Amino acid sequence: MTESIKEEFWDRLEDARVGMLSGGDARAVPMSHYVDDDHPEQGIWFITAKQTDLAQAAAKAPQGTYIVSSTKQSLYARIDGTLHMSNDPAQLDRIWNAVADAWFEGGKQDSDVQLLQFKPTTAEVWVTGGSMKFLYEIAKSTMTDSKPDMGEHAEIIF
């Protein structure tokens, strides 16, 4: 089960697009993430400004947590790992988009752009069948006096 939920996790995470990222003593803030579906082992990428609490935390203490709650993708996860500052221009080129561009006056060349790489170590993941499946399972549970099937839940080690 763990290998299939790991694949499902990466597929759904790529489409979820946003979560809450914290690192070191930096509070959790909403961040858009980027996953290379050909190389998910490289981690989850974020673009931030150099002076943010997250960038400062990544420079000091790399422990981080990323929380994803996506009803659209039926994915809920707490991901623990390490957060690192990166100056990889090729990776920045791959993930740069209009959303990132809106935050930096100088675009991709803005001196304040900071690329962060989050390498997951473990994750607790819930993959569900969506809202219609949820409603069906609740109705079935009520009628049959059984527990509803809420999908898969597993701890993943990366």
N, C-alpha and C. Protein backbone atom coordinates (compact mmCIF):
# COMPACT_ATOMS: atom_id res chain seq x y z
N MET A 1 0.82 -1.20 0.00
CA MET A 1 0.00 0.00 0.00
C MET A 1 0.86 1.26 0.00
N THR A 2 1.99 1.29 0.73
CA THR A 2 2.77 2.51 0.88
C THR A 2 3.32 3.00 -0.45
N GLU A 3 3.78 2.10 -1.33
CA GLU A 3 4.33 2.53 -2.61
C GLU A 3 3.25 3.14 -3.49
N SER A 4 2.04 2.57 -3.49
CA SER A 4 0.97 3.14 -4.32
C SER A 4 0.50 4.48 -3.76
N ILE A 5 0.45 4.61 -2.44
CA ILE A 5 0.04 5.90 -1.87
C ILE A 5 1.14 6.95 -2.08
N LYS A 6 2.39 6.52 -2.14
CA LYS A 6 3.48 7.47 -2.42
C LYS A 6 3.33 8.03 -3.83
N GLU A 7 3.04 7.17 -4.79
CA GLU A 7 2.82 7.63 -6.17
C GLU A 7 1.59 8.54 -6.25
N GLU A 8 0.53 8.14 -5.57
CA GLU A 8 -0.70 8.95 -5.54
C GLU A 8 -0.43 10.30 -4.88
N PHE A 9 0.37 10.29 -3.82
CA PHE A 9 0.76 11.52 -3.14
C PHE A 9 1.44 12.48 -4.11
N TRP A 10 2.46 12.02 -4.84
CA TRP A 10 3.17 12.90 -5.77
C TRP A 10 2.26 13.41 -6.88
N ASP A 11 1.41 12.53 -7.41
CA ASP A 11 0.49 12.95 -8.48
C ASP A 11 -0.46 14.04 -7.99
N ARG A 12 -1.04 13.83 -6.83
CA ARG A 12 -2.02 14.81 -6.32
C ARG A 12 -1.34 16.08 -5.82
N LEU A 13 -0.15 15.95 -5.25
CA LEU A 13 0.58 17.13 -4.76
C LEU A 13 0.89 18.08 -5.92
N GLU A 14 1.28 17.53 -7.04
CA GLU A 14 1.61 18.36 -8.19
C GLU A 14 0.42 19.22 -8.60
N ASP A 15 -0.79 18.68 -8.48
CA ASP A 15 -1.99 19.42 -8.87
C ASP A 15 -2.57 20.30 -7.75
N ALA A 16 -2.14 20.06 -6.51
CA ALA A 16 -2.69 20.82 -5.38
C ALA A 16 -2.26 22.28 -5.39
N ARG A 17 -1.04 22.54 -5.71
CA ARG A 17 -0.46 23.87 -5.93
C ARG A 17 -0.15 24.74 -4.72
N VAL A 18 -0.75 24.54 -3.55
CA VAL A 18 -0.45 25.43 -2.44
C VAL A 18 -0.57 24.70 -1.10
N GLY A 19 0.21 25.15 -0.15
CA GLY A 19 0.16 24.61 1.21
C GLY A 19 0.75 25.62 2.18
N MET A 20 0.98 25.18 3.40
CA MET A 20 1.55 26.04 4.44
C MET A 20 2.95 25.52 4.77
N LEU A 21 3.96 26.35 4.55
CA LEU A 21 5.36 25.97 4.76
C LEU A 21 5.93 26.68 5.97
N SER A 22 6.61 25.92 6.83
CA SER A 22 7.35 26.50 7.95
C SER A 22 8.75 25.91 7.95
N GLY A 23 9.65 26.63 8.57
CA GLY A 23 11.03 26.14 8.68
C GLY A 23 11.70 26.77 9.86
N GLY A 24 12.48 25.97 10.61
CA GLY A 24 13.16 26.50 11.79
C GLY A 24 12.19 27.22 12.69
N ASP A 25 12.49 28.47 13.02
CA ASP A 25 11.59 29.25 13.88
C ASP A 25 10.63 30.14 13.08
N ALA A 26 10.61 29.97 11.76
CA ALA A 26 9.70 30.76 10.91
C ALA A 26 8.30 30.18 10.98
N ARG A 27 7.32 31.04 11.16
CA ARG A 27 5.93 30.60 11.22
C ARG A 27 5.49 30.06 9.86
N ALA A 28 4.47 29.23 9.86
CA ALA A 28 3.94 28.68 8.62
C ALA A 28 3.23 29.76 7.81
N VAL A 29 3.53 29.81 6.52
CA VAL A 29 2.89 30.77 5.62
C VAL A 29 2.45 30.05 4.36
N PRO A 30 1.41 30.56 3.68
CA PRO A 30 0.98 29.92 2.43
C PRO A 30 2.03 30.10 1.34
N MET A 31 2.31 29.01 0.64
CA MET A 31 3.31 29.03 -0.43
C MET A 31 2.86 28.14 -1.57
N SER A 32 3.12 28.58 -2.80
CA SER A 32 2.93 27.73 -3.97
C SER A 32 4.14 26.82 -4.09
N HIS A 33 3.90 25.58 -4.42
CA HIS A 33 5.00 24.63 -4.55
C HIS A 33 5.11 24.14 -5.99
N TYR A 34 6.28 23.60 -6.31
CA TYR A 34 6.55 23.10 -7.65
C TYR A 34 7.24 21.75 -7.50
N VAL A 35 6.70 20.74 -8.19
CA VAL A 35 7.26 19.40 -8.14
C VAL A 35 7.62 18.99 -9.57
N ASP A 36 8.82 18.49 -9.75
CA ASP A 36 9.23 17.96 -11.04
C ASP A 36 8.72 16.53 -11.12
N ASP A 37 7.67 16.30 -11.91
CA ASP A 37 7.06 14.97 -11.93
C ASP A 37 8.00 13.90 -12.47
N ASP A 38 9.03 14.28 -13.22
CA ASP A 38 10.01 13.30 -13.68
C ASP A 38 11.05 12.97 -12.60
N HIS A 39 11.24 13.89 -11.66
CA HIS A 39 12.26 13.70 -10.62
C HIS A 39 11.75 14.17 -9.25
N PRO A 40 10.67 13.56 -8.74
CA PRO A 40 10.14 14.03 -7.44
C PRO A 40 11.13 13.84 -6.29
N GLU A 41 12.11 12.94 -6.47
CA GLU A 41 13.11 12.73 -5.41
C GLU A 41 13.96 13.97 -5.16
N GLN A 42 13.95 14.91 -6.09
CA GLN A 42 14.69 16.16 -5.89
C GLN A 42 13.98 17.08 -4.91
N GLY A 43 12.74 16.76 -4.60
CA GLY A 43 12.03 17.52 -3.59
C GLY A 43 10.98 18.45 -4.14
N ILE A 44 10.56 19.32 -3.26
CA ILE A 44 9.52 20.29 -3.54
C ILE A 44 10.19 21.66 -3.55
N TRP A 45 9.89 22.44 -4.57
CA TRP A 45 10.55 23.73 -4.75
C TRP A 45 9.61 24.89 -4.46
N PHE A 46 10.19 25.97 -3.93
CA PHE A 46 9.44 27.19 -3.62
C PHE A 46 10.26 28.39 -4.06
N ILE A 47 9.57 29.46 -4.41
CA ILE A 47 10.24 30.73 -4.72
C ILE A 47 9.77 31.72 -3.66
N THR A 48 10.73 32.38 -3.02
CA THR A 48 10.42 33.39 -2.00
C THR A 48 11.39 34.55 -2.15
N ALA A 49 11.29 35.51 -1.26
CA ALA A 49 12.23 36.64 -1.24
C ALA A 49 13.32 36.35 -0.21
N LYS A 50 14.50 36.85 -0.46
CA LYS A 50 15.66 36.57 0.40
C LYS A 50 15.46 37.01 1.84
N GLN A 51 14.68 38.05 2.08
CA GLN A 51 14.53 38.58 3.43
C GLN A 51 13.36 37.99 4.21
N THR A 52 12.66 37.01 3.63
CA THR A 52 11.53 36.40 4.35
C THR A 52 12.04 35.57 5.51
N ASP A 53 11.16 35.37 6.48
CA ASP A 53 11.50 34.51 7.62
C ASP A 53 11.88 33.11 7.16
N LEU A 54 11.20 32.61 6.13
CA LEU A 54 11.51 31.26 5.62
C LEU A 54 12.92 31.17 5.06
N ALA A 55 13.31 32.14 4.26
CA ALA A 55 14.66 32.13 3.69
C ALA A 55 15.70 32.23 4.79
N GLN A 56 15.45 33.08 5.76
CA GLN A 56 16.38 33.23 6.88
C GLN A 56 16.47 31.94 7.70
N ALA A 57 15.33 31.29 7.91
CA ALA A 57 15.31 30.03 8.67
C ALA A 57 16.04 28.93 7.91
N ALA A 58 15.86 28.88 6.60
CA ALA A 58 16.52 27.85 5.79
C ALA A 58 18.04 28.01 5.85
N ALA A 59 18.52 29.24 6.00
CA ALA A 59 19.95 29.49 6.09
C ALA A 59 20.52 29.03 7.43
N LYS A 60 19.69 29.01 8.48
CA LYS A 60 20.15 28.67 9.83
C LYS A 60 19.89 27.22 10.22
N ALA A 61 18.65 26.80 10.13
CA ALA A 61 18.24 25.47 10.60
C ALA A 61 17.32 24.86 9.56
N PRO A 62 17.76 23.82 8.90
CA PRO A 62 17.01 23.36 7.74
C PRO A 62 15.74 22.55 8.01
N GLN A 63 15.39 22.28 9.25
CA GLN A 63 14.18 21.48 9.50
C GLN A 63 12.94 22.27 9.09
N GLY A 64 12.06 21.61 8.36
CA GLY A 64 10.85 22.27 7.90
C GLY A 64 9.66 21.34 7.87
N THR A 65 8.48 21.94 7.75
CA THR A 65 7.23 21.19 7.64
C THR A 65 6.37 21.86 6.58
N TYR A 66 5.75 21.03 5.76
CA TYR A 66 4.84 21.53 4.73
C TYR A 66 3.51 20.82 4.92
N ILE A 67 2.43 21.61 5.10
CA ILE A 67 1.09 21.07 5.31
C ILE A 67 0.26 21.34 4.06
N VAL A 68 -0.35 20.29 3.51
CA VAL A 68 -1.20 20.42 2.34
C VAL A 68 -2.60 19.93 2.70
N SER A 69 -3.58 20.74 2.39
CA SER A 69 -4.98 20.38 2.59
C SER A 69 -5.74 20.79 1.34
N SER A 70 -5.96 19.84 0.45
CA SER A 70 -6.59 20.15 -0.82
C SER A 70 -7.84 19.30 -1.03
N THR A 71 -9.00 19.92 -0.85
CA THR A 71 -10.24 19.19 -1.09
C THR A 71 -10.40 18.88 -2.58
N LYS A 72 -9.93 19.78 -3.43
CA LYS A 72 -10.04 19.55 -4.88
C LYS A 72 -9.27 18.30 -5.30
N GLN A 73 -8.09 18.10 -4.71
CA GLN A 73 -7.27 16.93 -5.05
C GLN A 73 -7.49 15.77 -4.08
N SER A 74 -8.32 15.98 -3.07
CA SER A 74 -8.59 14.95 -2.04
C SER A 74 -7.29 14.45 -1.43
N LEU A 75 -6.43 15.41 -1.08
CA LEU A 75 -5.13 15.12 -0.49
C LEU A 75 -4.95 15.95 0.77
N TYR A 76 -4.52 15.29 1.82
CA TYR A 76 -4.23 15.94 3.09
C TYR A 76 -2.91 15.35 3.58
N ALA A 77 -1.93 16.22 3.88
CA ALA A 77 -0.62 15.69 4.23
C ALA A 77 0.14 16.64 5.13
N ARG A 78 0.89 16.04 6.03
CA ARG A 78 1.90 16.76 6.82
C ARG A 78 3.22 16.17 6.38
N ILE A 79 4.08 17.01 5.82
CA ILE A 79 5.34 16.56 5.25
C ILE A 79 6.47 17.18 6.05
N ASP A 80 7.34 16.36 6.60
CA ASP A 80 8.51 16.85 7.34
C ASP A 80 9.74 16.62 6.48
N GLY A 81 10.69 17.54 6.58
CA GLY A 81 11.90 17.40 5.80
C GLY A 81 12.89 18.50 6.09
N THR A 82 13.79 18.70 5.14
CA THR A 82 14.81 19.73 5.29
C THR A 82 14.62 20.79 4.21
N LEU A 83 14.85 22.02 4.59
CA LEU A 83 14.66 23.18 3.73
C LEU A 83 16.02 23.80 3.46
N HIS A 84 16.34 23.99 2.18
CA HIS A 84 17.66 24.51 1.80
C HIS A 84 17.52 25.67 0.82
N MET A 85 18.39 26.63 0.95
CA MET A 85 18.46 27.71 -0.03
C MET A 85 19.18 27.16 -1.25
N SER A 86 18.75 27.57 -2.45
CA SER A 86 19.37 27.11 -3.68
C SER A 86 19.59 28.29 -4.61
N ASN A 87 20.67 28.22 -5.35
CA ASN A 87 20.96 29.25 -6.36
C ASN A 87 21.05 28.61 -7.74
N ASP A 88 20.23 27.60 -7.99
CA ASP A 88 20.25 26.85 -9.24
C ASP A 88 19.45 27.60 -10.31
N PRO A 89 20.12 28.30 -11.23
CA PRO A 89 19.40 29.09 -12.23
C PRO A 89 18.58 28.22 -13.19
N ALA A 90 19.03 27.01 -13.48
CA ALA A 90 18.28 26.12 -14.38
C ALA A 90 16.96 25.71 -13.73
N GLN A 91 17.00 25.42 -12.42
CA GLN A 91 15.76 25.04 -11.72
C GLN A 91 14.82 26.25 -11.64
N LEU A 92 15.36 27.43 -11.38
CA LEU A 92 14.54 28.63 -11.35
C LEU A 92 13.86 28.85 -12.71
N ASP A 93 14.61 28.64 -13.79
CA ASP A 93 14.03 28.77 -15.14
C ASP A 93 12.88 27.79 -15.33
N ARG A 94 13.04 26.54 -14.83
CA ARG A 94 12.02 25.51 -15.01
C ARG A 94 10.72 25.85 -14.30
N ILE A 95 10.81 26.46 -13.11
CA ILE A 95 9.59 26.65 -12.32
C ILE A 95 9.05 28.08 -12.35
N TRP A 96 9.80 29.01 -12.91
CA TRP A 96 9.34 30.40 -12.94
C TRP A 96 8.04 30.50 -13.72
N ASN A 97 7.10 31.30 -13.22
CA ASN A 97 5.80 31.45 -13.88
C ASN A 97 5.21 32.82 -13.57
N ALA A 98 4.03 33.07 -14.07
CA ALA A 98 3.38 34.37 -13.90
C ALA A 98 3.09 34.68 -12.43
N VAL A 99 2.79 33.68 -11.64
CA VAL A 99 2.51 33.91 -10.21
C VAL A 99 3.78 34.43 -9.53
N ALA A 100 4.90 33.76 -9.74
CA ALA A 100 6.17 34.22 -9.15
C ALA A 100 6.53 35.60 -9.68
N ASP A 101 6.33 35.81 -10.97
CA ASP A 101 6.68 37.08 -11.60
C ASP A 101 5.93 38.26 -10.98
N ALA A 102 4.70 38.01 -10.51
CA ALA A 102 3.90 39.08 -9.91
C ALA A 102 4.51 39.61 -8.62
N TRP A 103 5.33 38.81 -7.95
CA TRP A 103 5.89 39.21 -6.65
C TRP A 103 7.21 39.96 -6.76
N PHE A 104 7.85 39.94 -7.92
CA PHE A 104 9.19 40.52 -8.04
C PHE A 104 9.23 41.51 -9.19
N GLU A 105 9.51 42.78 -8.86
CA GLU A 105 9.54 43.84 -9.87
C GLU A 105 10.53 43.55 -10.99
N GLY A 106 11.66 42.97 -10.64
CA GLY A 106 12.69 42.68 -11.63
C GLY A 106 12.55 41.31 -12.27
N GLY A 107 11.40 40.67 -12.07
CA GLY A 107 11.19 39.34 -12.64
C GLY A 107 12.18 38.33 -12.08
N LYS A 108 12.50 37.37 -12.88
CA LYS A 108 13.39 36.28 -12.48
C LYS A 108 14.79 36.78 -12.11
N GLN A 109 15.20 37.91 -12.68
CA GLN A 109 16.53 38.47 -12.40
C GLN A 109 16.55 39.37 -11.17
N ASP A 110 15.42 39.57 -10.52
CA ASP A 110 15.35 40.41 -9.33
C ASP A 110 16.34 39.89 -8.29
N SER A 111 17.11 40.79 -7.70
CA SER A 111 18.14 40.37 -6.73
C SER A 111 17.55 39.79 -5.45
N ASP A 112 16.26 39.97 -5.23
CA ASP A 112 15.62 39.45 -4.02
C ASP A 112 15.05 38.04 -4.19
N VAL A 113 15.07 37.48 -5.39
CA VAL A 113 14.53 36.14 -5.63
C VAL A 113 15.38 35.09 -4.91
N GLN A 114 14.70 34.24 -4.16
CA GLN A 114 15.39 33.14 -3.48
C GLN A 114 14.65 31.83 -3.75
N LEU A 115 15.35 30.87 -4.27
CA LEU A 115 14.82 29.54 -4.53
C LEU A 115 15.05 28.68 -3.29
N LEU A 116 14.00 27.98 -2.85
CA LEU A 116 14.11 27.06 -1.71
C LEU A 116 13.80 25.65 -2.18
N GLN A 117 14.60 24.70 -1.71
CA GLN A 117 14.38 23.29 -2.00
C GLN A 117 14.02 22.60 -0.69
N PHE A 118 12.86 21.94 -0.70
CA PHE A 118 12.39 21.19 0.47
C PHE A 118 12.51 19.71 0.15
N LYS A 119 13.36 19.01 0.90
CA LYS A 119 13.55 17.58 0.69
C LYS A 119 12.78 16.82 1.77
N PRO A 120 11.68 16.17 1.39
CA PRO A 120 10.88 15.43 2.37
C PRO A 120 11.66 14.25 2.96
N THR A 121 11.46 14.03 4.24
CA THR A 121 12.01 12.83 4.88
C THR A 121 10.88 11.87 5.24
N THR A 122 9.78 12.40 5.78
CA THR A 122 8.61 11.59 6.10
C THR A 122 7.35 12.41 5.82
N ALA A 123 6.26 11.69 5.65
CA ALA A 123 4.97 12.38 5.47
C ALA A 123 3.87 11.48 6.01
N GLU A 124 2.90 12.10 6.64
CA GLU A 124 1.67 11.41 6.99
C GLU A 124 0.64 11.89 5.98
N VAL A 125 0.06 10.94 5.25
CA VAL A 125 -0.75 11.27 4.08
C VAL A 125 -2.12 10.61 4.16
N TRP A 126 -3.14 11.39 3.80
CA TRP A 126 -4.50 10.89 3.65
C TRP A 126 -4.92 11.16 2.21
N VAL A 127 -5.30 10.12 1.50
CA VAL A 127 -5.77 10.23 0.12
C VAL A 127 -7.20 9.72 0.12
N THR A 128 -8.14 10.59 -0.24
CA THR A 128 -9.55 10.22 -0.17
C THR A 128 -10.16 10.14 -1.56
N GLY A 129 -11.40 9.73 -1.61
CA GLY A 129 -12.11 9.61 -2.87
C GLY A 129 -12.87 10.86 -3.26
N GLY A 130 -12.77 11.91 -2.48
CA GLY A 130 -13.47 13.15 -2.80
C GLY A 130 -14.79 13.29 -2.07
N SER A 131 -15.47 14.40 -2.29
CA SER A 131 -16.68 14.73 -1.51
C SER A 131 -17.85 13.80 -1.81
N MET A 132 -18.03 13.39 -3.06
CA MET A 132 -19.13 12.49 -3.38
C MET A 132 -18.92 11.13 -2.73
N LYS A 133 -17.69 10.64 -2.75
CA LYS A 133 -17.36 9.37 -2.10
C LYS A 133 -17.59 9.49 -0.59
N PHE A 134 -17.21 10.63 -0.03
CA PHE A 134 -17.41 10.88 1.39
C PHE A 134 -18.90 10.79 1.76
N LEU A 135 -19.72 11.49 0.99
CA LEU A 135 -21.17 11.47 1.25
C LEU A 135 -21.74 10.06 1.12
N TYR A 136 -21.31 9.33 0.11
CA TYR A 136 -21.76 7.95 -0.09
C TYR A 136 -21.37 7.10 1.12
N GLU A 137 -20.11 7.22 1.56
CA GLU A 137 -19.63 6.41 2.69
C GLU A 137 -20.37 6.74 3.98
N ILE A 138 -20.69 8.00 4.20
CA ILE A 138 -21.44 8.39 5.39
C ILE A 138 -22.86 7.81 5.33
N ALA A 139 -23.50 7.92 4.17
CA ALA A 139 -24.86 7.35 4.02
C ALA A 139 -24.84 5.84 4.20
N LYS A 140 -23.86 5.17 3.59
CA LYS A 140 -23.74 3.72 3.71
C LYS A 140 -23.50 3.32 5.16
N SER A 141 -22.66 4.07 5.84
CA SER A 141 -22.35 3.80 7.24
C SER A 141 -23.60 3.91 8.11
N THR A 142 -24.40 4.93 7.85
CA THR A 142 -25.63 5.14 8.61
C THR A 142 -26.62 4.00 8.40
N MET A 143 -26.71 3.55 7.16
CA MET A 143 -27.68 2.49 6.83
C MET A 143 -27.23 1.10 7.26
N THR A 144 -25.92 0.86 7.27
CA THR A 144 -25.42 -0.49 7.57
C THR A 144 -24.81 -0.61 8.95
N ASP A 145 -24.74 0.52 9.68
CA ASP A 145 -24.14 0.52 11.01
C ASP A 145 -22.67 0.08 10.96
N SER A 146 -21.98 0.51 9.92
CA SER A 146 -20.55 0.18 9.78
C SER A 146 -19.73 1.48 9.71
N LYS A 147 -18.44 1.34 9.81
CA LYS A 147 -17.54 2.50 9.71
C LYS A 147 -17.37 2.89 8.25
N PRO A 148 -17.35 4.20 7.94
CA PRO A 148 -17.16 4.62 6.55
C PRO A 148 -15.70 4.42 6.11
N ASP A 149 -15.53 4.15 4.83
CA ASP A 149 -14.20 4.04 4.23
C ASP A 149 -13.80 5.44 3.76
N MET A 150 -12.85 6.03 4.43
CA MET A 150 -12.46 7.40 4.12
C MET A 150 -11.21 7.47 3.25
N GLY A 151 -10.81 6.36 2.64
CA GLY A 151 -9.65 6.37 1.75
C GLY A 151 -8.43 5.78 2.42
N GLU A 152 -7.27 6.11 1.86
CA GLU A 152 -6.01 5.57 2.36
C GLU A 152 -5.32 6.56 3.28
N HIS A 153 -4.66 6.00 4.29
CA HIS A 153 -3.87 6.79 5.23
C HIS A 153 -2.59 6.03 5.47
N ALA A 154 -1.45 6.71 5.34
CA ALA A 154 -0.18 6.02 5.54
C ALA A 154 0.90 7.01 5.90
N GLU A 155 1.96 6.48 6.51
CA GLU A 155 3.17 7.26 6.71
C GLU A 155 4.14 6.86 5.62
N ILE A 156 4.69 7.85 4.94
CA ILE A 156 5.62 7.60 3.86
C ILE A 156 7.01 8.01 4.32
N ILE A 157 7.98 7.17 4.02
CA ILE A 157 9.39 7.52 4.27
C ILE A 157 10.05 7.70 2.91
N PHE A 158 10.67 8.83 2.71
CA PHE A 158 11.27 9.14 1.42
C PHE A 158 12.75 8.76 1.39
